Structure formats: structure tokens, C-alpha cells
N, C-alpha and C. Protein backbone atom coordinates (compact mmCIF):
# COMPACT_ATOMS: atom_id res chain seq x y z
N UNK A 1 0.85 -1.18 0.00
CA UNK A 1 0.00 0.00 0.00
C UNK A 1 0.89 1.24 0.00
N UNK A 2 0.44 2.24 -0.68
CA UNK A 2 1.19 3.50 -0.75
C UNK A 2 1.07 4.28 0.55
N UNK A 3 2.03 5.17 0.74
CA UNK A 3 2.05 6.00 1.94
C UNK A 3 0.76 6.80 2.09
N UNK A 4 0.23 7.33 0.99
CA UNK A 4 -0.99 8.14 1.09
C UNK A 4 -2.16 7.32 1.62
N UNK A 5 -2.28 6.07 1.19
CA UNK A 5 -3.34 5.21 1.68
C UNK A 5 -3.19 4.94 3.16
N UNK A 6 -1.96 4.72 3.59
CA UNK A 6 -1.71 4.51 5.01
C UNK A 6 -2.05 5.76 5.82
N UNK A 7 -1.73 6.92 5.27
CA UNK A 7 -2.04 8.18 5.97
C UNK A 7 -3.56 8.36 6.10
N UNK A 8 -4.30 8.04 5.05
CA UNK A 8 -5.76 8.14 5.12
C UNK A 8 -6.29 7.20 6.20
N UNK A 9 -5.81 5.97 6.22
CA UNK A 9 -6.28 5.00 7.22
C UNK A 9 -5.95 5.46 8.63
N UNK A 10 -4.74 5.95 8.83
CA UNK A 10 -4.34 6.44 10.15
C UNK A 10 -5.21 7.62 10.57
N UNK A 11 -5.49 8.51 9.65
CA UNK A 11 -6.33 9.67 9.96
C UNK A 11 -7.75 9.24 10.32
N UNK A 12 -8.30 8.28 9.59
CA UNK A 12 -9.64 7.78 9.92
C UNK A 12 -9.63 7.19 11.32
N UNK A 13 -8.61 6.43 11.66
CA UNK A 13 -8.52 5.83 12.99
C UNK A 13 -8.47 6.90 14.08
N UNK A 14 -7.65 7.90 13.89
CA UNK A 14 -7.53 8.99 14.88
C UNK A 14 -8.86 9.71 15.03
N UNK A 15 -9.52 10.00 13.91
CA UNK A 15 -10.82 10.69 13.97
C UNK A 15 -11.87 9.82 14.66
N UNK A 16 -11.84 8.52 14.40
CA UNK A 16 -12.81 7.62 15.04
C UNK A 16 -12.60 7.56 16.56
N UNK A 17 -11.40 7.81 17.02
CA UNK A 17 -11.15 7.86 18.47
C UNK A 17 -11.77 9.11 19.08
N UNK A 18 -11.87 10.18 18.29
CA UNK A 18 -12.41 11.44 18.77
C UNK A 18 -13.94 11.50 18.68
N UNK A 19 -14.49 10.89 17.63
CA UNK A 19 -15.94 10.94 17.44
C UNK A 19 -16.42 9.65 16.82
N UNK A 20 -17.69 9.38 16.98
CA UNK A 20 -18.25 8.10 16.57
C UNK A 20 -18.24 7.88 15.06
N UNK A 21 -18.65 8.90 14.31
CA UNK A 21 -18.74 8.74 12.87
C UNK A 21 -17.72 9.62 12.16
N UNK A 22 -17.20 9.09 11.07
CA UNK A 22 -16.22 9.81 10.26
C UNK A 22 -16.64 9.72 8.81
N UNK A 23 -16.61 10.86 8.15
CA UNK A 23 -16.92 10.93 6.72
C UNK A 23 -15.70 11.43 5.97
N UNK A 24 -15.72 11.31 4.67
CA UNK A 24 -14.60 11.75 3.84
C UNK A 24 -14.29 13.24 4.06
N UNK A 25 -15.31 14.05 4.26
CA UNK A 25 -15.11 15.49 4.48
C UNK A 25 -14.31 15.72 5.77
N UNK A 26 -14.53 14.88 6.78
CA UNK A 26 -13.77 15.00 8.02
C UNK A 26 -12.29 14.71 7.77
N UNK A 27 -12.03 13.72 6.95
CA UNK A 27 -10.65 13.36 6.60
C UNK A 27 -10.00 14.51 5.84
N UNK A 28 -10.74 15.07 4.88
CA UNK A 28 -10.21 16.19 4.09
C UNK A 28 -9.85 17.37 4.98
N UNK A 29 -10.72 17.69 5.91
CA UNK A 29 -10.47 18.81 6.82
C UNK A 29 -9.28 18.54 7.73
N UNK A 30 -9.22 17.33 8.28
CA UNK A 30 -8.13 16.97 9.20
C UNK A 30 -6.77 16.99 8.50
N UNK A 31 -6.73 16.50 7.27
CA UNK A 31 -5.48 16.41 6.53
C UNK A 31 -5.19 17.67 5.70
N UNK A 32 -6.16 18.59 5.71
CA UNK A 32 -6.05 19.83 4.93
C UNK A 32 -5.82 19.53 3.44
N UNK A 33 -6.68 18.64 2.92
CA UNK A 33 -6.63 18.26 1.52
C UNK A 33 -7.97 18.60 0.87
N UNK A 34 -7.98 18.64 -0.46
CA UNK A 34 -9.22 18.93 -1.17
C UNK A 34 -10.16 17.73 -1.11
N UNK A 35 -11.44 18.02 -1.20
CA UNK A 35 -12.45 16.95 -1.21
C UNK A 35 -12.22 15.97 -2.36
N UNK A 36 -11.94 16.46 -3.59
CA UNK A 36 -11.71 15.51 -4.69
C UNK A 36 -10.52 14.58 -4.45
N UNK A 37 -9.45 15.10 -3.85
CA UNK A 37 -8.29 14.25 -3.56
C UNK A 37 -8.65 13.15 -2.58
N UNK A 38 -9.36 13.52 -1.53
CA UNK A 38 -9.76 12.54 -0.52
C UNK A 38 -10.76 11.57 -1.10
N UNK A 39 -11.65 12.04 -1.95
CA UNK A 39 -12.63 11.17 -2.58
C UNK A 39 -11.92 10.10 -3.41
N UNK A 40 -10.91 10.49 -4.16
CA UNK A 40 -10.13 9.51 -4.94
C UNK A 40 -9.43 8.52 -4.00
N UNK A 41 -8.87 9.04 -2.92
CA UNK A 41 -8.20 8.17 -1.95
C UNK A 41 -9.15 7.17 -1.32
N UNK A 42 -10.35 7.64 -0.97
CA UNK A 42 -11.33 6.73 -0.36
C UNK A 42 -11.76 5.66 -1.36
N UNK A 43 -11.88 6.03 -2.63
CA UNK A 43 -12.25 5.05 -3.67
C UNK A 43 -11.18 3.96 -3.77
N UNK A 44 -9.92 4.35 -3.70
CA UNK A 44 -8.83 3.37 -3.77
C UNK A 44 -8.85 2.46 -2.54
N UNK A 45 -9.14 3.04 -1.37
CA UNK A 45 -9.21 2.23 -0.16
C UNK A 45 -10.38 1.24 -0.20
N UNK A 46 -11.50 1.67 -0.80
CA UNK A 46 -12.64 0.76 -0.98
C UNK A 46 -12.25 -0.38 -1.92
N UNK A 47 -11.62 -0.01 -3.05
CA UNK A 47 -11.23 -1.01 -4.05
C UNK A 47 -10.23 -2.02 -3.49
N UNK A 48 -9.38 -1.56 -2.58
CA UNK A 48 -8.37 -2.46 -2.00
C UNK A 48 -8.90 -3.23 -0.80
N UNK A 49 -10.17 -3.02 -0.45
CA UNK A 49 -10.79 -3.77 0.62
C UNK A 49 -10.41 -3.31 2.02
N UNK A 50 -10.07 -2.02 2.16
CA UNK A 50 -9.67 -1.49 3.47
C UNK A 50 -10.80 -0.77 4.20
N UNK A 51 -11.72 -0.20 3.45
CA UNK A 51 -12.85 0.50 4.06
C UNK A 51 -14.13 0.19 3.30
N UNK A 52 -15.23 0.49 3.96
CA UNK A 52 -16.53 0.52 3.30
C UNK A 52 -17.13 1.89 3.58
N UNK A 53 -18.02 2.30 2.71
CA UNK A 53 -18.73 3.55 2.92
C UNK A 53 -20.20 3.20 3.08
N UNK A 54 -20.73 3.55 4.25
CA UNK A 54 -22.12 3.23 4.54
C UNK A 54 -23.04 4.17 3.76
N UNK A 55 -24.33 3.84 3.73
CA UNK A 55 -25.30 4.63 2.97
C UNK A 55 -25.31 6.09 3.37
N UNK A 56 -25.07 6.37 4.65
CA UNK A 56 -25.08 7.75 5.13
C UNK A 56 -23.74 8.46 4.95
N UNK A 57 -22.79 7.79 4.30
CA UNK A 57 -21.49 8.41 4.02
C UNK A 57 -20.43 8.15 5.07
N UNK A 58 -20.81 7.46 6.14
CA UNK A 58 -19.83 7.16 7.19
C UNK A 58 -18.83 6.12 6.70
N UNK A 59 -17.59 6.31 7.10
CA UNK A 59 -16.53 5.39 6.72
C UNK A 59 -16.40 4.31 7.79
N UNK A 60 -16.21 3.08 7.35
CA UNK A 60 -16.03 1.97 8.27
C UNK A 60 -14.84 1.14 7.81
N UNK A 61 -14.06 0.66 8.76
CA UNK A 61 -12.92 -0.19 8.44
C UNK A 61 -13.36 -1.62 8.15
N UNK A 62 -12.65 -2.25 7.24
CA UNK A 62 -12.69 -3.70 7.14
C UNK A 62 -11.63 -4.20 8.12
N UNK A 63 -11.56 -5.50 8.34
CA UNK A 63 -10.52 -6.05 9.20
C UNK A 63 -9.14 -5.66 8.69
N UNK A 64 -8.97 -5.79 7.40
CA UNK A 64 -7.69 -5.46 6.76
C UNK A 64 -7.33 -4.00 6.98
N UNK A 65 -8.28 -3.11 6.76
CA UNK A 65 -8.04 -1.68 6.90
C UNK A 65 -7.71 -1.28 8.33
N UNK A 66 -8.44 -1.84 9.28
CA UNK A 66 -8.18 -1.53 10.70
C UNK A 66 -6.78 -2.01 11.09
N UNK A 67 -6.39 -3.19 10.63
CA UNK A 67 -5.07 -3.73 10.96
C UNK A 67 -3.96 -2.81 10.44
N UNK A 68 -4.10 -2.34 9.23
CA UNK A 68 -3.10 -1.43 8.66
C UNK A 68 -3.07 -0.12 9.44
N UNK A 69 -4.24 0.44 9.71
CA UNK A 69 -4.33 1.71 10.44
C UNK A 69 -3.69 1.60 11.82
N UNK A 70 -4.00 0.53 12.52
CA UNK A 70 -3.45 0.35 13.87
C UNK A 70 -1.94 0.16 13.84
N UNK A 71 -1.45 -0.55 12.84
CA UNK A 71 0.00 -0.76 12.70
C UNK A 71 0.72 0.57 12.48
N UNK A 72 0.21 1.38 11.57
CA UNK A 72 0.84 2.66 11.26
C UNK A 72 0.74 3.59 12.47
N UNK A 73 -0.40 3.62 13.12
CA UNK A 73 -0.59 4.50 14.28
C UNK A 73 0.34 4.10 15.43
N UNK A 74 0.49 2.81 15.65
CA UNK A 74 1.41 2.35 16.70
C UNK A 74 2.83 2.79 16.37
N UNK A 75 3.24 2.64 15.12
CA UNK A 75 4.57 3.07 14.72
C UNK A 75 4.75 4.56 14.98
N UNK A 76 3.74 5.34 14.62
CA UNK A 76 3.82 6.78 14.82
C UNK A 76 4.00 7.13 16.30
N UNK A 77 3.20 6.49 17.14
CA UNK A 77 3.27 6.78 18.57
C UNK A 77 4.62 6.37 19.17
N UNK A 78 5.07 5.17 18.85
CA UNK A 78 6.33 4.67 19.42
C UNK A 78 7.51 5.51 18.93
N UNK A 79 7.56 5.78 17.63
CA UNK A 79 8.67 6.57 17.09
C UNK A 79 8.69 7.98 17.67
N UNK A 80 7.52 8.61 17.76
CA UNK A 80 7.45 9.96 18.33
C UNK A 80 7.94 9.94 19.77
N UNK A 81 7.50 8.98 20.54
CA UNK A 81 7.91 8.87 21.94
C UNK A 81 9.42 8.66 22.05
N UNK A 82 9.94 7.75 21.25
CA UNK A 82 11.37 7.47 21.29
C UNK A 82 12.19 8.71 20.93
N UNK A 83 11.79 9.38 19.87
CA UNK A 83 12.54 10.56 19.44
C UNK A 83 12.52 11.67 20.49
N UNK A 84 11.35 11.90 21.09
CA UNK A 84 11.27 12.96 22.11
C UNK A 84 12.09 12.58 23.35
N UNK A 85 12.10 11.31 23.71
CA UNK A 85 12.92 10.86 24.84
C UNK A 85 14.41 11.02 24.55
N UNK A 86 14.76 10.97 23.28
CA UNK A 86 16.16 11.17 22.90
C UNK A 86 16.53 12.65 22.82
N UNK A 87 15.54 13.52 23.08
CA UNK A 87 15.82 14.94 23.10
C UNK A 87 15.44 15.72 21.86
N UNK A 88 14.77 15.06 20.93
CA UNK A 88 14.31 15.74 19.71
C UNK A 88 13.09 16.59 20.07
N UNK A 89 13.05 17.82 19.55
CA UNK A 89 11.90 18.70 19.78
C UNK A 89 10.63 17.99 19.30
N UNK A 90 9.53 18.15 20.04
CA UNK A 90 8.31 17.39 19.75
C UNK A 90 7.81 17.57 18.32
N UNK A 91 7.79 18.79 17.83
CA UNK A 91 7.31 19.03 16.45
C UNK A 91 8.14 18.24 15.44
N UNK A 92 9.45 18.27 15.61
CA UNK A 92 10.35 17.54 14.71
C UNK A 92 10.16 16.04 14.88
N UNK A 93 10.00 15.57 16.11
CA UNK A 93 9.80 14.15 16.38
C UNK A 93 8.54 13.64 15.68
N UNK A 94 7.46 14.41 15.77
CA UNK A 94 6.19 14.03 15.13
C UNK A 94 6.36 13.97 13.61
N UNK A 95 7.00 14.98 13.04
CA UNK A 95 7.19 15.02 11.59
C UNK A 95 8.07 13.88 11.10
N UNK A 96 9.17 13.61 11.82
CA UNK A 96 10.07 12.53 11.43
C UNK A 96 9.38 11.18 11.57
N UNK A 97 8.65 10.99 12.66
CA UNK A 97 7.93 9.74 12.87
C UNK A 97 6.93 9.51 11.74
N UNK A 98 6.27 10.57 11.31
CA UNK A 98 5.27 10.49 10.25
C UNK A 98 5.90 10.01 8.94
N UNK A 99 7.11 10.41 8.68
CA UNK A 99 7.78 9.97 7.45
C UNK A 99 8.32 8.54 7.59
N UNK A 100 8.94 8.26 8.73
CA UNK A 100 9.60 6.98 8.93
C UNK A 100 8.61 5.83 9.08
N UNK A 101 7.46 6.09 9.67
CA UNK A 101 6.50 5.02 9.97
C UNK A 101 6.07 4.23 8.74
N UNK A 102 6.23 4.81 7.56
CA UNK A 102 5.77 4.17 6.33
C UNK A 102 6.84 3.31 5.66
N UNK A 103 8.10 3.50 6.05
CA UNK A 103 9.17 2.80 5.34
C UNK A 103 10.00 1.88 6.22
N UNK A 104 9.87 2.00 7.51
CA UNK A 104 10.67 1.19 8.42
C UNK A 104 10.25 -0.27 8.35
N UNK A 105 11.23 -1.17 8.41
CA UNK A 105 10.92 -2.61 8.36
C UNK A 105 10.32 -3.05 9.69
N UNK A 106 9.60 -4.16 9.64
CA UNK A 106 9.02 -4.72 10.86
C UNK A 106 10.13 -5.07 11.86
N UNK A 107 11.23 -5.60 11.36
CA UNK A 107 12.34 -6.00 12.23
C UNK A 107 12.94 -4.79 12.95
N UNK A 108 13.22 -3.73 12.22
CA UNK A 108 13.80 -2.53 12.83
C UNK A 108 12.82 -1.88 13.79
N UNK A 109 11.54 -1.85 13.40
CA UNK A 109 10.55 -1.25 14.31
C UNK A 109 10.47 -2.04 15.61
N UNK A 110 10.48 -3.36 15.54
CA UNK A 110 10.43 -4.19 16.75
C UNK A 110 11.62 -3.88 17.66
N UNK A 111 12.80 -3.69 17.07
CA UNK A 111 13.99 -3.36 17.88
C UNK A 111 13.84 -1.98 18.52
N UNK A 112 13.35 -1.01 17.77
CA UNK A 112 13.14 0.33 18.32
C UNK A 112 12.06 0.33 19.41
N UNK A 113 11.05 -0.46 19.21
CA UNK A 113 9.98 -0.57 20.21
C UNK A 113 10.53 -1.14 21.51
N UNK A 114 11.42 -2.11 21.42
CA UNK A 114 12.07 -2.67 22.60
C UNK A 114 12.92 -1.60 23.29
N UNK A 115 13.66 -0.82 22.52
CA UNK A 115 14.47 0.26 23.08
C UNK A 115 13.60 1.30 23.78
N UNK A 116 12.48 1.65 23.17
CA UNK A 116 11.59 2.64 23.75
C UNK A 116 11.04 2.15 25.08
N UNK A 117 10.71 0.86 25.15
CA UNK A 117 10.21 0.29 26.41
C UNK A 117 11.29 0.29 27.49
N UNK A 118 12.54 0.05 27.08
CA UNK A 118 13.65 0.02 28.04
C UNK A 118 13.91 1.42 28.62
N UNK A 119 13.63 2.43 27.83
CA UNK A 119 13.80 3.81 28.31
C UNK A 119 12.74 4.16 29.33
N UNK A 120 11.66 3.41 29.27
CA UNK A 120 10.68 3.48 30.16
C UNK A 120 9.70 4.22 30.73
């Protein structure tokens, strides 16, 4: 899956934690993207079996989509925490984590997650 698809899924997950229902317009506003761009992204996520769109426009995860969203979100949280504990300014830590979370291998992430836990 492309980074943009992962970002959409992560954003939907974060929004669902804040409120019960999430629509494409909510994603567009949160990500500061145009409605047409988000609409195309949502169509790709539907086609890849990651989300469904209910009759009222609410977005819902499939099992596959939720798993991807949770994986990316966990990476974001762990990397941000690790970077800030290492003394990186929070804004920079968040931005770096956002880029790295999409390309880091499972093996390297597992090692970093262990390090973050050891820092405690």
C-alpha cells in the first residue's frame, strides 16, 4: 500500500477515536486536503478492501483496513515517543515519525519498540 493510503487510514482511525462517525469530508479537513483528492483516496481504499462507505457516508474499516491503520498509528506513537525521549523537539519528532512510519521494516521497528520500552 502506498504512503498516502496509510495516511488516510491512520487519519480515519484517529478521527474515530475522537468521534463516533467519520466521513470523507472530516478526513479532508483533518489532513487539509481537497475533497476531490480525498474522494479519490477513499475510492482506492474501498477497491483495495480497506474501508466501506455506509449509505449515510460514514466510513467503516474492514478487518484489513483496521489492521493497517493500527499498525501505522502504533509506529507513529512509538517513534514519536522514542525521538522525544532522545531529546528531539516534539514538532520535529512528530514530523520525522510520520515519514519513517511508512518505510521502516518490521524488524527494525520491533527493535526500536524494545528500546523505547527500556527507556521506560
